[in-house]
Amino acid sequence: MGSERAMGVVVVGGYDIGGDVRQFIWNAAAGRLVGNELGVKTVFDLGEEGEREDGLGSRVVLTWKGSSIKTRKSIPGAI
């Protein structure tokens, strides 16, 4: 995180569990490149049955100026 070079880390769940982004972080140098408008937040909601015992799920979303950026549920061309 203290590197002068822009670096980021994305943690993605396995393909067998949907390939969802679990975590997205970057260091201060990358933050200077992307600016203050781009952000990341965790959204908690009712997940699909079996995700957790209490039925609560979470997902990571990118934001632009505080609003969630719409993403695709699947990758075009992926099997």
Foldseek 3Di string as FASTA:
>chain_A
DPDLDKDKDWDFDDVVVQRATDDIDIDVNVCVVVDPQKDKDKDKDQADPPPDPVRIDIGMFIGGNRHGDDDDSDDPPDD
